[in-house]
Amino acid sequence: MKKLLLIISLLLFITGCETSSQNFTNNNTNTNENNNSNSSSNENNKSYSDNSNLSESDIMMSKIISLIKLGKAYDTGTYTKGEVTKGEYAFIKFDGSGSYYEELDRAGDIIDNENFSSFGYVKVHGVGEIETRGVLIDINSFSELGVTSAKEIYEKLNNIKEYYESGYYKVGVDIKPGTYTIESIGKGYFAILSGPVGNSDIIKNDNFSGKKQVTLRNGQYLELSRVQIIN
């Protein structure tokens, strides 16, 4: 498999951490061989919190690299059938990454694809090739990053506070159920969906200009493009 360069590890190196990304990876490998994943994660979290030179973004980058080493997250690249474990993943953009995701079936036809504005969710079926231009993170591993949602990962990784613009939100996780007013930036698009990319039906969608109200139920997903949530 041909994988892209681990962009986030290079970004970590550029920030001037005391240990190079190559050494950090080697250290993680040694730790993983001698400890189970939970104790490894706890030790990593302790070392990150003790290093006052690291920004919130640096710490999140480091934790994601650890998950990649543990096979709980996947770097940007192309993966053959079975290399990415089946399940639901957060797709996260970061500085220098792309927006595109797709999964193919056994015949090489597209099951589903998406250009993500910021963050979102995908269902991996594990039946064919996967291409991802952002990092994929198993939703069951959020606690190891010290977060509860894809939105929170995106905010920490990109040094953004209270992000409520274009994205693919999971109701009950990224935002609470309820009625929201959304506003387009120029001409915008919204869709309320039943699931993540690769396993969803459209419940309601519209291209619009100006303001609109949407009512969201727990477990639904909200896709926004050129749109912000204002209240």
Protein backbone atom coordinates (compact mmCIF):
# COMPACT_ATOMS: atom_id res chain seq x y z
CA MET A 1 0.00 0.00 0.00
CA LYS A 2 1.24 3.43 -0.90
CA LYS A 3 0.64 5.86 1.95
CA LEU A 4 1.10 9.58 2.07
CA LEU A 5 3.71 11.15 4.32
CA LEU A 6 2.60 11.46 7.93
CA ILE A 7 1.87 15.17 7.71
CA ILE A 8 0.82 15.57 11.29
CA SER A 9 4.07 14.09 12.60
CA LEU A 10 6.02 16.59 10.50
CA LEU A 11 3.91 19.38 11.92
CA LEU A 12 4.72 18.10 15.40
CA PHE A 13 8.44 18.18 14.56
CA ILE A 14 8.19 21.75 13.27
CA THR A 15 6.70 22.94 16.56
CA GLY A 16 10.06 22.32 18.22
CA CYS A 17 9.27 19.49 20.59
CA GLU A 18 12.23 18.19 22.60
CA THR A 19 12.05 14.80 20.85
CA SER A 20 11.90 14.41 17.08
CA SER A 21 8.85 12.78 15.52
CA GLN A 22 10.95 9.77 14.51
CA ASN A 23 12.14 9.25 18.08
CA PHE A 24 8.62 9.83 19.41
CA THR A 25 7.33 7.09 17.10
CA ASN A 26 10.07 4.73 18.22
CA ASN A 27 9.28 5.48 21.85
CA ASN A 28 5.59 4.80 21.27
CA THR A 29 6.44 1.49 19.60
CA ASN A 30 8.52 0.41 22.58
CA THR A 31 5.81 1.49 25.00
CA ASN A 32 3.13 -0.39 23.08
CA GLU A 33 5.18 -3.58 23.17
CA ASN A 34 5.54 -3.43 26.95
CA ASN A 35 2.10 -2.10 28.00
CA ASN A 36 -1.50 -2.59 27.05
CA SER A 37 -3.19 0.21 25.12
CA ASN A 38 -4.92 1.71 28.16
CA SER A 39 -1.79 2.07 30.28
CA SER A 40 0.12 3.37 27.26
CA SER A 41 -2.53 6.01 26.67
CA ASN A 42 -2.48 7.07 30.32
CA GLU A 43 1.29 7.41 30.34
CA ASN A 44 1.21 9.42 27.11
CA ASN A 45 -1.50 11.73 28.49
CA LYS A 46 0.57 12.32 31.63
CA SER A 47 3.69 13.22 29.65
CA TYR A 48 1.75 15.62 27.41
CA SER A 49 0.19 17.45 30.35
CA ASP A 50 3.59 17.78 32.02
CA ASN A 51 5.16 19.49 28.98
CA SER A 52 4.29 23.18 29.19
CA ASN A 53 6.02 23.85 25.85
CA LEU A 54 3.31 22.03 23.89
CA SER A 55 0.23 23.85 22.63
CA GLU A 56 -3.22 22.27 22.72
CA SER A 57 -2.83 21.51 19.02
CA ASP A 58 0.57 19.86 19.59
CA ILE A 59 -0.85 17.67 22.35
CA MET A 60 -3.75 16.55 20.15
CA MET A 61 -1.37 15.80 17.26
CA SER A 62 0.74 13.65 19.58
CA LYS A 63 -2.26 11.73 20.87
CA ILE A 64 -3.52 11.06 17.34
CA ILE A 65 -0.10 9.75 16.31
CA SER A 66 -0.29 7.36 19.28
CA LEU A 67 -3.69 6.13 18.10
CA ILE A 68 -2.29 5.60 14.59
CA LYS A 69 0.46 3.43 16.08
CA LEU A 70 -2.20 1.44 17.96
CA GLY A 71 -4.33 0.94 14.82
CA LYS A 72 -7.18 3.04 16.23
CA ALA A 73 -6.69 5.90 13.76
CA TYR A 74 -5.47 6.10 10.17
CA ASP A 75 -3.31 8.72 8.53
CA THR A 76 -4.06 10.32 5.17
CA GLY A 77 -3.55 7.85 2.32
CA THR A 78 -4.98 4.97 0.33
CA TYR A 79 -5.79 1.68 2.03
CA THR A 80 -6.57 -1.71 0.51
CA LYS A 81 -9.48 -3.93 1.57
CA GLY A 82 -9.31 -4.86 5.24
CA GLU A 83 -6.56 -2.44 6.24
CA VAL A 84 -9.06 -0.14 7.93
CA THR A 85 -11.20 -1.99 10.48
CA LYS A 86 -14.97 -1.86 9.94
CA GLY A 87 -16.85 0.70 11.99
CA GLU A 88 -17.66 4.38 12.36
CA TYR A 89 -14.86 6.93 12.20
CA ALA A 90 -14.46 10.65 12.58
CA PHE A 91 -12.89 12.36 9.56
CA ILE A 92 -10.80 15.33 10.69
CA LYS A 93 -9.17 17.99 8.52
CA PHE A 94 -6.00 19.66 9.73
CA ASP A 95 -3.61 22.28 8.41
CA GLY A 96 -2.16 20.93 5.15
CA SER A 97 -4.62 18.05 4.76
CA GLY A 98 -7.28 17.52 2.10
CA SER A 99 -11.06 17.19 2.29
CA TYR A 100 -11.86 14.07 0.27
CA TYR A 101 -12.96 10.60 1.46
CA GLU A 102 -14.24 7.60 -0.49
CA GLU A 103 -14.76 3.87 -0.09
CA LEU A 104 -15.05 1.45 -3.01
CA ASP A 105 -16.88 -1.87 -3.16
CA ARG A 106 -15.46 -5.19 -4.37
CA ALA A 107 -16.11 -4.22 -8.00
CA GLY A 108 -14.28 -0.92 -7.61
CA ASP A 109 -17.45 1.19 -7.65
CA ILE A 110 -17.90 4.02 -5.14
CA ILE A 111 -20.01 3.09 -2.11
CA ASP A 112 -19.99 6.69 -0.95
CA ASN A 113 -17.73 9.73 -0.98
CA GLU A 114 -17.60 13.20 0.52
CA ASN A 115 -15.64 16.43 0.51
CA PHE A 116 -15.61 17.49 4.15
CA SER A 117 -15.50 21.17 5.06
CA SER A 118 -13.96 20.52 8.48
CA PHE A 119 -14.96 17.32 10.27
CA GLY A 120 -17.51 14.56 9.87
CA TYR A 121 -18.31 10.89 10.25
CA VAL A 122 -17.92 7.91 7.92
CA LYS A 123 -18.99 4.27 8.04
CA VAL A 124 -16.23 1.92 6.90
CA HIS A 125 -17.61 -1.32 5.40
CA GLY A 126 -14.24 -2.96 4.84
CA VAL A 127 -15.11 -4.36 1.41
CA GLY A 128 -12.76 -2.41 -0.86
CA GLU A 129 -10.19 0.36 -1.20
CA ILE A 130 -10.42 3.48 0.95
CA GLU A 131 -8.95 6.87 0.15
CA THR A 132 -8.82 9.53 2.86
CA ARG A 133 -7.28 13.00 2.69
CA GLY A 134 -7.96 13.67 6.38
CA VAL A 135 -7.15 11.58 9.43
CA LEU A 136 -9.67 8.86 10.40
CA ILE A 137 -10.24 8.25 14.12
CA ASP A 138 -12.28 5.38 15.58
CA ILE A 139 -15.20 6.97 17.49
CA ASN A 140 -14.67 4.43 20.28
CA SER A 141 -11.22 5.96 20.90
CA PHE A 142 -12.39 9.52 21.62
CA SER A 143 -11.84 9.03 25.35
CA GLU A 144 -8.16 8.28 24.74
CA LEU A 145 -7.88 11.73 23.18
CA GLY A 146 -9.68 13.32 26.12
CA VAL A 147 -12.64 14.41 23.96
CA THR A 148 -16.23 13.38 23.28
CA SER A 149 -16.78 14.46 19.66
CA ALA A 150 -15.25 15.00 16.22
CA LYS A 151 -16.01 18.70 16.58
CA GLU A 152 -13.86 18.89 19.69
CA ILE A 153 -10.95 17.10 17.98
CA TYR A 154 -11.19 19.51 15.06
CA GLU A 155 -11.21 22.53 17.36
CA LYS A 156 -8.21 21.39 19.41
CA LEU A 157 -6.21 20.24 16.38
CA ASN A 158 -6.75 23.52 14.54
CA ASN A 159 -6.66 25.93 17.51
CA ILE A 160 -10.30 26.99 17.03
CA LYS A 161 -12.76 27.86 19.78
CA GLU A 162 -16.53 27.25 19.59
CA TYR A 163 -16.71 26.17 15.94
CA TYR A 164 -20.27 26.22 14.53
CA GLU A 165 -19.74 26.56 10.81
CA SER A 166 -19.67 24.15 7.85
CA GLY A 167 -19.28 20.55 8.96
CA TYR A 168 -20.96 17.17 9.44
CA TYR A 169 -22.38 17.21 12.99
CA LYS A 170 -23.64 14.23 14.98
CA VAL A 171 -26.68 15.18 17.04
CA GLY A 172 -26.28 14.26 20.69
CA VAL A 173 -22.49 14.25 20.28
CA ASP A 174 -21.32 17.44 18.53
CA ILE A 175 -24.51 19.40 19.18
CA LYS A 176 -27.57 18.82 21.37
CA PRO A 177 -30.98 17.87 19.97
CA GLY A 178 -33.29 20.83 19.46
CA THR A 179 -34.28 23.60 17.08
CA TYR A 180 -31.53 25.78 15.65
CA THR A 181 -31.37 28.85 13.43
CA ILE A 182 -28.83 28.47 10.65
CA GLU A 183 -27.62 31.18 8.28
CA SER A 184 -26.05 30.81 4.86
CA ILE A 185 -22.80 32.45 3.81
CA GLY A 186 -23.88 33.44 0.31
CA LYS A 187 -25.88 30.46 -0.96
CA GLY A 188 -25.69 27.56 1.45
CA TYR A 189 -26.78 23.93 1.77
CA PHE A 190 -27.99 21.85 4.70
CA ALA A 191 -29.05 18.24 5.05
CA ILE A 192 -30.45 16.28 7.98
CA LEU A 193 -29.30 12.68 7.60
CA SER A 194 -29.98 9.36 9.31
CA GLY A 195 -26.33 8.29 9.61
CA PRO A 196 -22.69 8.89 8.69
CA VAL A 197 -21.28 9.02 5.17
CA GLY A 198 -21.58 5.52 3.74
CA ASN A 199 -24.67 4.59 5.77
CA SER A 200 -27.25 7.34 5.60
CA ASP A 201 -30.49 8.48 4.03
CA ILE A 202 -31.51 12.11 3.55
CA ILE A 203 -34.31 13.10 5.91
CA LYS A 204 -34.49 16.72 4.77
CA ASN A 205 -32.24 19.02 2.71
CA ASP A 206 -32.27 22.35 0.95
CA ASN A 207 -30.19 24.94 -0.88
CA PHE A 208 -31.04 28.33 0.59
CA SER A 209 -29.98 31.92 1.15
CA GLY A 210 -30.50 33.76 4.42
CA LYS A 211 -31.79 32.16 7.61
CA LYS A 212 -33.65 28.92 8.25
CA GLN A 213 -34.72 26.85 11.25
CA VAL A 214 -33.91 23.15 11.58
CA THR A 215 -35.11 20.71 14.23
CA LEU A 216 -32.70 17.93 15.10
CA ARG A 217 -33.30 14.66 16.94
CA ASN A 218 -30.80 12.60 18.86
CA GLY A 219 -28.83 10.25 16.57
CA GLN A 220 -29.36 12.29 13.41
CA TYR A 221 -26.55 14.01 11.51
CA LEU A 222 -26.49 17.57 10.22
CA GLU A 223 -24.44 18.49 7.16
CA LEU A 224 -23.73 22.18 6.63
CA SER A 225 -21.98 23.70 3.62
CA ARG A 226 -21.39 27.48 3.52
CA VAL A 227 -23.66 27.70 6.55
CA GLN A 228 -23.22 28.63 10.21
CA ILE A 229 -25.29 27.89 13.29
CA ILE A 230 -26.21 31.23 14.89
CA ASN A 231 -28.43 30.09 17.79
